[in-house]
Amino acid sequence: MLARIVGVFFLVLTGVLAWGLMDYQAFVARPIVTENIKIIDVEKNSSFSAIIQGLGYQRRSLDALWFRVLAEQEGLINQLKAGEYELSVGLLPRDFLVLLSLGKTRQHEITFPEGWNFKEIRQAIAENESLTHTIAELTDLQILQALGSDYAHPEGLFFPDTYQFEKHTSDLVILKLAYNKMQNTLALLWEQRADNLPIKSAYEALILASIVEKETGVVAEQPIIAGVFMRRLQKGMRLQTDPTVIYGMGESYQGNIRKKDLSALTPYNTYRINGLPPTPIAMPGEYALFSVLHPTDDGHLYFVAKGDGSHIFSATLAEHNKAVNSFQRKRK
């Protein structure tokens, strides 16, 4: 009798184990995402149970057990990393655990285009919901100090680019990346500069490159415009460039430069001051920096907008006045 009971017990146990093995194998082969991409956010110091619960996958009570068995079997039970993850359709349980163990978090991005000023950078940061915001109450100078910078003015110090980051990354981390990239790029280009340029420092190159960046959207024109400004500096001529006037006007600029604006004495009005303004006026791209440090030597001293985004260049004032009549005053 006892032998029969023991036999039945082992038969039942064998059946349960066989069913469990089949159920586990079915679990391992069953995608955890079947319809739409799923985003999960694993907080720091989350327990394994909390991670699986946050997945929202448990259709049955055994699922959590099978996840734990799988994680133990793969040696990943204590390897799962915090962060935001994007789970693709068809993702299997093992792939999910490997994804978290490798820390392949979802990447966000923020773009700082060429020609932006620091106010626009701050606005883009403030509007990016994936960043952790720490600079909203800081002044520009306090931000520079937090970055370990010795500069007193932030304009032009950050490299225009697209920066990728994990969710909850601090805005200061992004600014530090952009700051370091600009400093490294500028230092390298300055070391490779052409001879006999009328600028004395890499910072002056940055200032002039920011003006070149704002003067034209046609990249091929940047070395030509840089050459114009270099020759003006060499001859003691004023730069007379509208973008610096606009920058100096600040919030008072409403789309037009008036005669009184051109005559106003501000540190950025290059119609009134000699040489360069005190700081950059925007973020120059790498080619604008290169153009300033390798300007063309074609004798041009003037240029005027043609109305299509490009410019016509002249070597003499007479040629320039003729171009102004043709392209700005619509008079031939």
C-alpha atoms as a PDB file:
ATOM      1  CA  MET A   1       0.000   0.000   0.000  1.00  0.00           C
ATOM      2  CA  LEU A   2       2.759   2.396   0.966  1.00  0.00           C
ATOM      3  CA  ALA A   3       4.661   1.525  -2.159  1.00  0.00           C
ATOM      4  CA  ARG A   4       1.595   2.342  -4.229  1.00  0.00           C
ATOM      5  CA  ILE A   5       1.220   5.726  -2.501  1.00  0.00           C
ATOM      6  CA  VAL A   6       4.902   6.512  -3.043  1.00  0.00           C
ATOM      7  CA  GLY A   7       4.581   5.472  -6.668  1.00  0.00           C
ATOM      8  CA  VAL A   8       1.579   7.713  -7.192  1.00  0.00           C
ATOM      9  CA  PHE A   9       3.396  10.587  -5.450  1.00  0.00           C
ATOM     10  CA  PHE A  10       6.409  10.314  -7.720  1.00  0.00           C
ATOM     11  CA  LEU A  11       4.171   9.979 -10.736  1.00  0.00           C
ATOM     12  CA  VAL A  12       2.375  13.191  -9.806  1.00  0.00           C
ATOM     13  CA  LEU A  13       5.669  14.913  -9.021  1.00  0.00           C
ATOM     14  CA  THR A  14       7.095  13.832 -12.345  1.00  0.00           C
ATOM     15  CA  GLY A  15       4.024  15.176 -14.092  1.00  0.00           C
ATOM     16  CA  VAL A  16       4.236  18.495 -12.269  1.00  0.00           C
ATOM     17  CA  LEU A  17       7.919  18.832 -13.066  1.00  0.00           C
ATOM     18  CA  ALA A  18       7.308  17.970 -16.709  1.00  0.00           C
ATOM     19  CA  TRP A  19       4.494  20.495 -16.908  1.00  0.00           C
ATOM     20  CA  GLY A  20       6.666  23.102 -15.165  1.00  0.00           C
ATOM     21  CA  LEU A  21       9.513  22.490 -17.590  1.00  0.00           C
ATOM     22  CA  MET A  22       7.208  22.877 -20.569  1.00  0.00           C
ATOM     23  CA  ASP A  23       5.662  26.012 -19.083  1.00  0.00           C
ATOM     24  CA  TYR A  24       9.116  27.484 -18.438  1.00  0.00           C
ATOM     25  CA  GLN A  25      10.213  26.706 -21.978  1.00  0.00           C
ATOM     26  CA  ALA A  26       7.043  28.330 -23.309  1.00  0.00           C
ATOM     27  CA  PHE A  27       7.719  31.391 -21.125  1.00  0.00           C
ATOM     28  CA  VAL A  28      11.281  31.727 -22.425  1.00  0.00           C
ATOM     29  CA  ALA A  29      10.068  31.560 -26.028  1.00  0.00           C
ATOM     30  CA  ARG A  30       7.148  33.963 -25.557  1.00  0.00           C
ATOM     31  CA  PRO A  31       7.760  37.685 -26.408  1.00  0.00           C
ATOM     32  CA  ILE A  32       7.172  40.079 -23.545  1.00  0.00           C
ATOM     33  CA  VAL A  33       6.176  42.866 -25.968  1.00  0.00           C
ATOM     34  CA  THR A  34       3.668  41.882 -28.636  1.00  0.00           C
ATOM     35  CA  GLU A  35       1.987  45.029 -30.001  1.00  0.00           C
ATOM     36  CA  ASN A  36       3.667  48.398 -29.422  1.00  0.00           C
ATOM     37  CA  ILE A  37       7.131  49.503 -28.315  1.00  0.00           C
ATOM     38  CA  LYS A  38       7.190  49.716 -24.531  1.00  0.00           C
ATOM     39  CA  ILE A  39       9.176  52.209 -22.445  1.00  0.00           C
ATOM     40  CA  ILE A  40      10.124  51.330 -18.859  1.00  0.00           C
ATOM     41  CA  ASP A  41      12.064  53.363 -16.322  1.00  0.00           C
ATOM     42  CA  VAL A  42      14.116  51.304 -13.853  1.00  0.00           C
ATOM     43  CA  GLU A  43      14.935  53.353 -10.786  1.00  0.00           C
ATOM     44  CA  LYS A  44      18.232  53.071  -8.953  1.00  0.00           C
ATOM     45  CA  ASN A  45      18.453  50.359  -6.280  1.00  0.00           C
ATOM     46  CA  SER A  46      15.281  48.677  -7.542  1.00  0.00           C
ATOM     47  CA  SER A  47      14.857  45.068  -6.435  1.00  0.00           C
ATOM     48  CA  PHE A  48      14.539  42.339  -9.037  1.00  0.00           C
ATOM     49  CA  SER A  49      10.892  41.877  -8.091  1.00  0.00           C
ATOM     50  CA  ALA A  50      10.214  45.610  -8.495  1.00  0.00           C
ATOM     51  CA  ILE A  51      11.814  45.599 -11.953  1.00  0.00           C
ATOM     52  CA  ILE A  52       9.673  42.702 -13.127  1.00  0.00           C
ATOM     53  CA  GLN A  53       6.572  44.206 -11.579  1.00  0.00           C
ATOM     54  CA  GLY A  54       7.285  47.499 -13.329  1.00  0.00           C
ATOM     55  CA  LEU A  55       7.490  45.620 -16.601  1.00  0.00           C
ATOM     56  CA  GLY A  56       3.761  44.984 -16.306  1.00  0.00           C
ATOM     57  CA  TYR A  57       4.154  41.623 -17.996  1.00  0.00           C
ATOM     58  CA  GLN A  58       2.839  39.243 -15.333  1.00  0.00           C
ATOM     59  CA  ARG A  59      -0.189  37.685 -16.973  1.00  0.00           C
ATOM     60  CA  ARG A  60       0.143  34.780 -14.557  1.00  0.00           C
ATOM     61  CA  SER A  61       1.585  34.397 -11.094  1.00  0.00           C
ATOM     62  CA  LEU A  62       4.264  32.015 -12.397  1.00  0.00           C
ATOM     63  CA  ASP A  63       5.787  34.628 -14.712  1.00  0.00           C
ATOM     64  CA  ALA A  64       7.665  36.363 -11.908  1.00  0.00           C
ATOM     65  CA  LEU A  65       9.051  32.993 -10.786  1.00  0.00           C
ATOM     66  CA  TRP A  66      10.169  32.085 -14.299  1.00  0.00           C
ATOM     67  CA  PHE A  67      11.862  35.504 -14.688  1.00  0.00           C
ATOM     68  CA  ARG A  68      13.820  34.839 -11.519  1.00  0.00           C
ATOM     69  CA  VAL A  69      14.737  31.318 -12.606  1.00  0.00           C
ATOM     70  CA  LEU A  70      15.901  32.629 -15.971  1.00  0.00           C
ATOM     71  CA  ALA A  71      17.925  35.427 -14.382  1.00  0.00           C
ATOM     72  CA  GLU A  72      19.596  32.972 -11.988  1.00  0.00           C
ATOM     73  CA  GLN A  73      20.285  30.557 -14.825  1.00  0.00           C
ATOM     74  CA  GLU A  74      21.916  33.323 -16.924  1.00  0.00           C
ATOM     75  CA  GLY A  75      23.814  34.787 -13.966  1.00  0.00           C
ATOM     76  CA  LEU A  76      22.062  38.142 -14.365  1.00  0.00           C
ATOM     77  CA  ILE A  77      20.003  38.341 -11.174  1.00  0.00           C
ATOM     78  CA  ASN A  78      22.211  41.073  -9.672  1.00  0.00           C
ATOM     79  CA  GLN A  79      23.402  42.645 -12.915  1.00  0.00           C
ATOM     80  CA  LEU A  80      20.387  44.697 -13.968  1.00  0.00           C
ATOM     81  CA  LYS A  81      21.130  48.414 -14.293  1.00  0.00           C
ATOM     82  CA  ALA A  82      18.914  51.426 -13.699  1.00  0.00           C
ATOM     83  CA  GLY A  83      17.774  53.664 -16.536  1.00  0.00           C
ATOM     84  CA  GLU A  84      15.108  54.161 -19.156  1.00  0.00           C
ATOM     85  CA  TYR A  85      14.767  51.316 -21.656  1.00  0.00           C
ATOM     86  CA  GLU A  86      12.946  50.936 -24.950  1.00  0.00           C
ATOM     87  CA  LEU A  87      11.562  47.434 -25.415  1.00  0.00           C
ATOM     88  CA  SER A  88      10.928  46.480 -29.027  1.00  0.00           C
ATOM     89  CA  VAL A  89       8.094  44.299 -30.270  1.00  0.00           C
ATOM     90  CA  GLY A  90       9.080  40.633 -30.140  1.00  0.00           C
ATOM     91  CA  LEU A  91      11.591  41.064 -27.300  1.00  0.00           C
ATOM     92  CA  LEU A  92      12.075  37.781 -25.444  1.00  0.00           C
ATOM     93  CA  PRO A  93      12.570  37.480 -21.661  1.00  0.00           C
ATOM     94  CA  ARG A  94      16.270  36.601 -21.967  1.00  0.00           C
ATOM     95  CA  ASP A  95      16.867  39.538 -24.349  1.00  0.00           C
ATOM     96  CA  PHE A  96      15.172  41.817 -21.831  1.00  0.00           C
ATOM     97  CA  LEU A  97      17.483  40.687 -19.026  1.00  0.00           C
ATOM     98  CA  VAL A  98      20.564  41.038 -21.237  1.00  0.00           C
ATOM     99  CA  LEU A  99      19.453  44.526 -22.300  1.00  0.00           C
ATOM    100  CA  LEU A 100      19.256  45.651 -18.661  1.00  0.00           C
ATOM    101  CA  SER A 101      22.481  43.907 -17.689  1.00  0.00           C
ATOM    102  CA  LEU A 102      24.348  45.743 -20.467  1.00  0.00           C
ATOM    103  CA  GLY A 103      22.752  49.071 -19.510  1.00  0.00           C
ATOM    104  CA  LYS A 104      21.672  49.766 -23.094  1.00  0.00           C
ATOM    105  CA  THR A 105      19.380  52.585 -22.100  1.00  0.00           C
ATOM    106  CA  ARG A 106      17.139  54.597 -24.356  1.00  0.00           C
ATOM    107  CA  GLN A 107      18.954  57.592 -25.833  1.00  0.00           C
ATOM    108  CA  HIS A 108      17.491  61.088 -26.039  1.00  0.00           C
ATOM    109  CA  GLU A 109      19.029  64.002 -27.901  1.00  0.00           C
ATOM    110  CA  ILE A 110      19.224  67.764 -27.958  1.00  0.00           C
ATOM    111  CA  THR A 111      20.478  69.883 -30.865  1.00  0.00           C
ATOM    112  CA  PHE A 112      22.244  73.245 -30.742  1.00  0.00           C
ATOM    113  CA  PRO A 113      22.358  74.568 -34.343  1.00  0.00           C
ATOM    114  CA  GLU A 114      25.115  76.766 -35.737  1.00  0.00           C
ATOM    115  CA  GLY A 115      24.343  80.440 -35.214  1.00  0.00           C
ATOM    116  CA  TRP A 116      22.343  80.048 -32.012  1.00  0.00           C
ATOM    117  CA  ASN A 117      23.068  82.344 -29.091  1.00  0.00           C
ATOM    118  CA  PHE A 118      23.257  81.255 -25.463  1.00  0.00           C
ATOM    119  CA  LYS A 119      19.733  82.430 -24.723  1.00  0.00           C
ATOM    120  CA  GLU A 120      18.444  80.010 -27.351  1.00  0.00           C
ATOM    121  CA  ILE A 121      20.545  77.210 -25.852  1.00  0.00           C
ATOM    122  CA  ARG A 122      19.034  77.842 -22.418  1.00  0.00           C
ATOM    123  CA  GLN A 123      15.547  77.841 -23.903  1.00  0.00           C
ATOM    124  CA  ALA A 124      16.114  74.513 -25.679  1.00  0.00           C
ATOM    125  CA  ILE A 125      17.413  72.981 -22.453  1.00  0.00           C
ATOM    126  CA  ALA A 126      14.434  74.279 -20.473  1.00  0.00           C
ATOM    127  CA  GLU A 127      12.012  72.762 -22.984  1.00  0.00           C
ATOM    128  CA  ASN A 128      13.670  69.332 -23.039  1.00  0.00           C
ATOM    129  CA  GLU A 129      11.668  67.196 -20.619  1.00  0.00           C
ATOM    130  CA  SER A 130      14.168  64.332 -20.601  1.00  0.00           C
ATOM    131  CA  LEU A 131      16.902  66.385 -18.926  1.00  0.00           C
ATOM    132  CA  THR A 132      17.220  67.030 -15.219  1.00  0.00           C
ATOM    133  CA  HIS A 133      17.072  70.812 -14.932  1.00  0.00           C
ATOM    134  CA  THR A 134      19.551  72.474 -12.588  1.00  0.00           C
ATOM    135  CA  ILE A 135      20.412  75.792 -14.287  1.00  0.00           C
ATOM    136  CA  ALA A 136      17.023  77.518 -14.436  1.00  0.00           C
ATOM    137  CA  GLU A 137      17.783  79.747 -11.459  1.00  0.00           C
ATOM    138  CA  LEU A 138      21.453  80.294 -12.282  1.00  0.00           C
ATOM    139  CA  THR A 139      22.845  83.360 -14.014  1.00  0.00           C
ATOM    140  CA  ASP A 140      25.004  82.929 -17.087  1.00  0.00           C
ATOM    141  CA  LEU A 141      28.091  83.645 -15.003  1.00  0.00           C
ATOM    142  CA  GLN A 142      27.067  81.085 -12.368  1.00  0.00           C
ATOM    143  CA  ILE A 143      26.661  78.474 -15.114  1.00  0.00           C
ATOM    144  CA  LEU A 144      30.177  79.192 -16.377  1.00  0.00           C
ATOM    145  CA  GLN A 145      31.520  78.918 -12.855  1.00  0.00           C
ATOM    146  CA  ALA A 146      29.725  75.583 -12.409  1.00  0.00           C
ATOM    147  CA  LEU A 147      31.439  74.396 -15.593  1.00  0.00           C
ATOM    148  CA  GLY A 148      34.825  75.454 -14.259  1.00  0.00           C
ATOM    149  CA  SER A 149      35.219  78.119 -16.944  1.00  0.00           C
ATOM    150  CA  ASP A 150      37.274  81.268 -16.484  1.00  0.00           C
ATOM    151  CA  TYR A 151      35.223  83.204 -19.035  1.00  0.00           C
ATOM    152  CA  ALA A 152      32.783  85.865 -17.860  1.00  0.00           C
ATOM    153  CA  HIS A 153      30.432  85.678 -20.879  1.00  0.00           C
ATOM    154  CA  PRO A 154      28.977  82.408 -22.261  1.00  0.00           C
ATOM    155  CA  GLU A 155      28.349  83.443 -25.846  1.00  0.00           C
ATOM    156  CA  GLY A 156      30.063  81.286 -28.452  1.00  0.00           C
ATOM    157  CA  LEU A 157      31.737  78.972 -25.945  1.00  0.00           C
ATOM    158  CA  PHE A 158      29.612  75.910 -26.789  1.00  0.00           C
ATOM    159  CA  PHE A 159      29.966  73.724 -29.861  1.00  0.00           C
ATOM    160  CA  PRO A 160      26.893  73.464 -32.104  1.00  0.00           C
ATOM    161  CA  ASP A 161      26.006  69.789 -32.436  1.00  0.00           C
ATOM    162  CA  THR A 162      23.463  67.095 -31.543  1.00  0.00           C
ATOM    163  CA  TYR A 163      24.148  65.561 -28.148  1.00  0.00           C
ATOM    164  CA  GLN A 164      22.737  62.208 -27.059  1.00  0.00           C
ATOM    165  CA  PHE A 165      22.041  61.397 -23.433  1.00  0.00           C
ATOM    166  CA  GLU A 166      20.163  59.118 -21.058  1.00  0.00           C
ATOM    167  CA  LYS A 167      16.964  60.307 -19.443  1.00  0.00           C
ATOM    168  CA  HIS A 168      17.516  62.304 -16.229  1.00  0.00           C
ATOM    169  CA  THR A 169      20.971  63.490 -17.346  1.00  0.00           C
ATOM    170  CA  SER A 170      21.770  66.891 -15.846  1.00  0.00           C
ATOM    171  CA  ASP A 171      21.617  69.899 -18.168  1.00  0.00           C
ATOM    172  CA  LEU A 172      25.064  70.861 -16.867  1.00  0.00           C
ATOM    173  CA  VAL A 173      26.449  67.587 -18.225  1.00  0.00           C
ATOM    174  CA  ILE A 174      25.237  68.509 -21.714  1.00  0.00           C
ATOM    175  CA  LEU A 175      26.660  72.011 -21.443  1.00  0.00           C
ATOM    176  CA  LYS A 176      29.964  70.582 -20.259  1.00  0.00           C
ATOM    177  CA  LEU A 177      30.103  68.308 -23.316  1.00  0.00           C
ATOM    178  CA  ALA A 178      29.382  71.229 -25.651  1.00  0.00           C
ATOM    179  CA  TYR A 179      31.817  73.509 -23.809  1.00  0.00           C
ATOM    180  CA  ASN A 180      34.668  70.990 -23.889  1.00  0.00           C
ATOM    181  CA  LYS A 181      34.082  70.204 -27.551  1.00  0.00           C
ATOM    182  CA  MET A 182      34.295  73.878 -28.495  1.00  0.00           C
ATOM    183  CA  GLN A 183      37.434  74.466 -26.436  1.00  0.00           C
ATOM    184  CA  ASN A 184      39.144  71.390 -27.888  1.00  0.00           C
ATOM    185  CA  THR A 185      38.111  72.184 -31.469  1.00  0.00           C
ATOM    186  CA  LEU A 186      39.155  75.808 -31.159  1.00  0.00           C
ATOM    187  CA  ALA A 187      42.524  74.926 -29.622  1.00  0.00           C
ATOM    188  CA  LEU A 188      43.297  72.429 -32.380  1.00  0.00           C
ATOM    189  CA  LEU A 189      42.299  74.793 -35.200  1.00  0.00           C
ATOM    190  CA  TRP A 190      44.204  77.673 -33.624  1.00  0.00           C
ATOM    191  CA  GLU A 191      47.390  75.604 -33.619  1.00  0.00           C
ATOM    192  CA  GLN A 192      46.889  74.937 -37.333  1.00  0.00           C
ATOM    193  CA  ARG A 193      46.080  78.539 -38.304  1.00  0.00           C
ATOM    194  CA  ALA A 194      47.505  80.348 -41.290  1.00  0.00           C
ATOM    195  CA  ASP A 195      50.370  82.805 -40.830  1.00  0.00           C
ATOM    196  CA  ASN A 196      50.120  86.583 -40.453  1.00  0.00           C
ATOM    197  CA  LEU A 197      46.507  86.808 -39.320  1.00  0.00           C
ATOM    198  CA  PRO A 198      45.469  90.141 -37.703  1.00  0.00           C
ATOM    199  CA  ILE A 199      44.002  88.393 -34.649  1.00  0.00           C
ATOM    200  CA  LYS A 200      45.953  87.752 -31.481  1.00  0.00           C
ATOM    201  CA  SER A 201      44.195  84.859 -29.758  1.00  0.00           C
ATOM    202  CA  ALA A 202      41.939  81.860 -30.225  1.00  0.00           C
ATOM    203  CA  TYR A 203      39.175  83.821 -28.493  1.00  0.00           C
ATOM    204  CA  GLU A 204      39.419  86.578 -31.102  1.00  0.00           C
ATOM    205  CA  ALA A 205      39.131  83.861 -33.758  1.00  0.00           C
ATOM    206  CA  LEU A 206      35.984  82.648 -31.992  1.00  0.00           C
ATOM    207  CA  ILE A 207      34.527  86.160 -32.009  1.00  0.00           C
ATOM    208  CA  LEU A 208      35.172  86.655 -35.711  1.00  0.00           C
ATOM    209  CA  ALA A 209      33.927  83.156 -36.573  1.00  0.00           C
ATOM    210  CA  SER A 210      30.644  83.891 -34.823  1.00  0.00           C
ATOM    211  CA  ILE A 211      30.204  86.962 -37.038  1.00  0.00           C
ATOM    212  CA  VAL A 212      31.006  84.964 -40.167  1.00  0.00           C
ATOM    213  CA  GLU A 213      28.477  82.324 -39.080  1.00  0.00           C
ATOM    214  CA  LYS A 214      25.733  84.934 -38.760  1.00  0.00           C
ATOM    215  CA  GLU A 215      26.616  86.736 -41.995  1.00  0.00           C
ATOM    216  CA  THR A 216      25.917  83.863 -44.387  1.00  0.00           C
ATOM    217  CA  GLY A 217      24.014  80.625 -44.605  1.00  0.00           C
ATOM    218  CA  VAL A 218      26.085  79.595 -47.609  1.00  0.00           C
ATOM    219  CA  VAL A 219      28.956  77.566 -46.191  1.00  0.00           C
ATOM    220  CA  ALA A 220      31.124  78.016 -49.275  1.00  0.00           C
ATOM    221  CA  GLU A 221      31.086  81.799 -48.708  1.00  0.00           C
ATOM    222  CA  GLN A 222      32.478  81.633 -45.188  1.00  0.00           C
ATOM    223  CA  PRO A 223      36.196  81.734 -46.123  1.00  0.00           C
ATOM    224  CA  ILE A 224      35.483  84.646 -48.489  1.00  0.00           C
ATOM    225  CA  ILE A 225      33.636  86.664 -45.841  1.00  0.00           C
ATOM    226  CA  ALA A 226      36.356  85.797 -43.322  1.00  0.00           C
ATOM    227  CA  GLY A 227      38.876  87.173 -45.823  1.00  0.00           C
ATOM    228  CA  VAL A 228      36.903  90.419 -46.145  1.00  0.00           C
ATOM    229  CA  PHE A 229      36.921  90.935 -42.385  1.00  0.00           C
ATOM    230  CA  MET A 230      40.596  90.034 -42.056  1.00  0.00           C
ATOM    231  CA  ARG A 231      41.560  92.606 -44.696  1.00  0.00           C
ATOM    232  CA  ARG A 232      39.418  95.241 -43.000  1.00  0.00           C
ATOM    233  CA  LEU A 233      41.180  94.556 -39.700  1.00  0.00           C
ATOM    234  CA  GLN A 234      44.573  94.728 -41.414  1.00  0.00           C
ATOM    235  CA  LYS A 235      43.714  98.069 -43.024  1.00  0.00           C
ATOM    236  CA  GLY A 236      42.213  99.542 -39.857  1.00  0.00           C
ATOM    237  CA  MET A 237      38.736  99.638 -41.375  1.00  0.00           C
ATOM    238  CA  ARG A 238      35.675  99.049 -39.260  1.00  0.00           C
ATOM    239  CA  LEU A 239      33.935  95.705 -39.715  1.00  0.00           C
ATOM    240  CA  GLN A 240      30.524  97.339 -40.259  1.00  0.00           C
ATOM    241  CA  THR A 241      28.555  94.114 -39.924  1.00  0.00           C
ATOM    242  CA  ASP A 242      24.834  94.107 -39.161  1.00  0.00           C
ATOM    243  CA  PRO A 243      24.711  90.922 -37.016  1.00  0.00           C
ATOM    244  CA  THR A 244      26.842  92.578 -34.340  1.00  0.00           C
ATOM    245  CA  VAL A 245      24.513  95.582 -34.306  1.00  0.00           C
ATOM    246  CA  ILE A 246      21.506  93.296 -33.911  1.00  0.00           C
ATOM    247  CA  TYR A 247      23.191  91.414 -31.065  1.00  0.00           C
ATOM    248  CA  GLY A 248      23.991  94.671 -29.292  1.00  0.00           C
ATOM    249  CA  MET A 249      20.362  95.811 -29.610  1.00  0.00           C
ATOM    250  CA  GLY A 250      19.161  92.820 -27.607  1.00  0.00           C
ATOM    251  CA  GLU A 251      15.413  92.704 -27.020  1.00  0.00           C
ATOM    252  CA  SER A 252      14.902  96.063 -28.725  1.00  0.00           C
ATOM    253  CA  TYR A 253      15.580  94.494 -32.121  1.00  0.00           C
ATOM    254  CA  GLN A 254      12.235  93.974 -33.871  1.00  0.00           C
ATOM    255  CA  GLY A 255      13.374  92.863 -37.308  1.00  0.00           C
ATOM    256  CA  ASN A 256      14.767  96.121 -38.680  1.00  0.00           C
ATOM    257  CA  ILE A 257      17.933  98.118 -38.126  1.00  0.00           C
ATOM    258  CA  ARG A 258      17.180 101.824 -38.091  1.00  0.00           C
ATOM    259  CA  LYS A 259      19.566 104.689 -38.838  1.00  0.00           C
ATOM    260  CA  LYS A 260      19.710 105.564 -35.147  1.00  0.00           C
ATOM    261  CA  ASP A 261      20.681 101.962 -34.358  1.00  0.00           C
ATOM    262  CA  LEU A 262      23.663 102.216 -36.679  1.00  0.00           C
ATOM    263  CA  SER A 263      24.756 105.427 -35.000  1.00  0.00           C
ATOM    264  CA  ALA A 264      24.269 104.210 -31.410  1.00  0.00           C
ATOM    265  CA  LEU A 265      27.537 103.668 -29.568  1.00  0.00           C
ATOM    266  CA  THR A 266      27.436 100.155 -28.098  1.00  0.00           C
ATOM    267  CA  PRO A 267      30.257  97.630 -27.562  1.00  0.00           C
ATOM    268  CA  TYR A 268      28.790  95.562 -30.416  1.00  0.00           C
ATOM    269  CA  ASN A 269      28.089  98.288 -32.976  1.00  0.00           C
ATOM    270  CA  THR A 270      30.894  97.651 -35.452  1.00  0.00           C
ATOM    271  CA  TYR A 271      29.808 100.713 -37.419  1.00  0.00           C
ATOM    272  CA  ARG A 272      30.997 102.805 -34.445  1.00  0.00           C
ATOM    273  CA  ILE A 273      33.769 100.777 -32.810  1.00  0.00           C
ATOM    274  CA  ASN A 274      37.151  99.785 -34.159  1.00  0.00           C
ATOM    275  CA  GLY A 275      38.160  96.145 -34.337  1.00  0.00           C
ATOM    276  CA  LEU A 276      36.196  93.250 -32.876  1.00  0.00           C
ATOM    277  CA  PRO A 277      33.277  93.359 -30.433  1.00  0.00           C
ATOM    278  CA  PRO A 278      34.117  92.157 -26.900  1.00  0.00           C
ATOM    279  CA  THR A 279      32.581  88.664 -27.214  1.00  0.00           C
ATOM    280  CA  PRO A 280      31.214  86.281 -29.817  1.00  0.00           C
ATOM    281  CA  ILE A 281      27.621  86.882 -30.858  1.00  0.00           C
ATOM    282  CA  ALA A 282      26.615  83.244 -31.505  1.00  0.00           C
ATOM    283  CA  MET A 283      27.904  79.681 -31.802  1.00  0.00           C
ATOM    284  CA  PRO A 284      30.074  79.285 -34.905  1.00  0.00           C
ATOM    285  CA  GLY A 285      30.321  75.922 -36.597  1.00  0.00           C
ATOM    286  CA  GLU A 286      33.643  74.190 -37.205  1.00  0.00           C
ATOM    287  CA  TYR A 287      33.869  75.401 -40.804  1.00  0.00           C
ATOM    288  CA  ALA A 288      33.318  79.016 -39.778  1.00  0.00           C
ATOM    289  CA  LEU A 289      36.193  78.625 -37.317  1.00  0.00           C
ATOM    290  CA  PHE A 290      38.359  77.029 -39.994  1.00  0.00           C
ATOM    291  CA  SER A 291      37.444  79.789 -42.448  1.00  0.00           C
ATOM    292  CA  VAL A 292      38.567  82.536 -40.072  1.00  0.00           C
ATOM    293  CA  LEU A 293      41.875  80.789 -39.535  1.00  0.00           C
ATOM    294  CA  HIS A 294      42.302  80.079 -43.271  1.00  0.00           C
ATOM    295  CA  PRO A 295      40.616  83.020 -45.051  1.00  0.00           C
ATOM    296  CA  THR A 296      40.728  83.553 -48.789  1.00  0.00           C
ATOM    297  CA  ASP A 297      43.217  86.055 -50.181  1.00  0.00           C
ATOM    298  CA  ASP A 298      41.228  87.494 -53.079  1.00  0.00           C
ATOM    299  CA  GLY A 299      41.357  91.219 -52.320  1.00  0.00           C
ATOM    300  CA  HIS A 300      37.652  91.653 -51.562  1.00  0.00           C
ATOM    301  CA  LEU A 301      36.751  94.313 -49.019  1.00  0.00           C
ATOM    302  CA  TYR A 302      32.975  94.490 -49.410  1.00  0.00           C
ATOM    303  CA  PHE A 303      29.973  92.256 -49.884  1.00  0.00           C
ATOM    304  CA  VAL A 304      26.244  92.736 -50.253  1.00  0.00           C
ATOM    305  CA  ALA A 305      23.356  90.284 -50.009  1.00  0.00           C
ATOM    306  CA  LYS A 306      21.799  89.250 -53.316  1.00  0.00           C
ATOM    307  CA  GLY A 307      18.469  88.354 -51.750  1.00  0.00           C
ATOM    308  CA  ASP A 308      18.773  84.589 -52.198  1.00  0.00           C
ATOM    309  CA  GLY A 309      20.979  83.944 -49.185  1.00  0.00           C
ATOM    310  CA  SER A 310      24.222  84.458 -51.083  1.00  0.00           C
ATOM    311  CA  HIS A 311      26.380  87.565 -51.573  1.00  0.00           C
ATOM    312  CA  ILE A 312      28.270  89.430 -54.252  1.00  0.00           C
ATOM    313  CA  PHE A 313      31.811  90.497 -53.340  1.00  0.00           C
ATOM    314  CA  SER A 314      33.745  93.587 -54.418  1.00  0.00           C
ATOM    315  CA  ALA A 315      37.326  94.796 -54.097  1.00  0.00           C
ATOM    316  CA  THR A 316      36.590  98.530 -54.432  1.00  0.00           C
ATOM    317  CA  LEU A 317      33.995 100.878 -53.008  1.00  0.00           C
ATOM    318  CA  ALA A 318      32.840 101.813 -56.499  1.00  0.00           C
ATOM    319  CA  GLU A 319      32.145  98.162 -57.342  1.00  0.00           C
ATOM    320  CA  HIS A 320      30.407  97.736 -54.013  1.00  0.00           C
ATOM    321  CA  ASN A 321      28.135 100.747 -54.530  1.00  0.00           C
ATOM    322  CA  LYS A 322      27.183  99.387 -57.937  1.00  0.00           C
ATOM    323  CA  ALA A 323      26.329  96.016 -56.360  1.00  0.00           C
ATOM    324  CA  VAL A 324      24.267  97.742 -53.666  1.00  0.00           C
ATOM    325  CA  ASN A 325      22.311  99.597 -56.341  1.00  0.00           C
ATOM    326  CA  SER A 326      21.701  96.371 -58.228  1.00  0.00           C
ATOM    327  CA  PHE A 327      20.805  93.999 -55.424  1.00  0.00           C
ATOM    328  CA  GLN A 328      19.549  96.081 -52.500  1.00  0.00           C
ATOM    329  CA  ARG A 329      18.073  99.163 -54.078  1.00  0.00           C
ATOM    330  CA  LYS A 330      16.826  97.158 -57.077  1.00  0.00           C
ATOM    331  CA  ARG A 331      18.349  99.786 -59.379  1.00  0.00           C
ATOM    332  CA  LYS A 332      20.490  99.064 -62.458  1.00  0.00           C
END
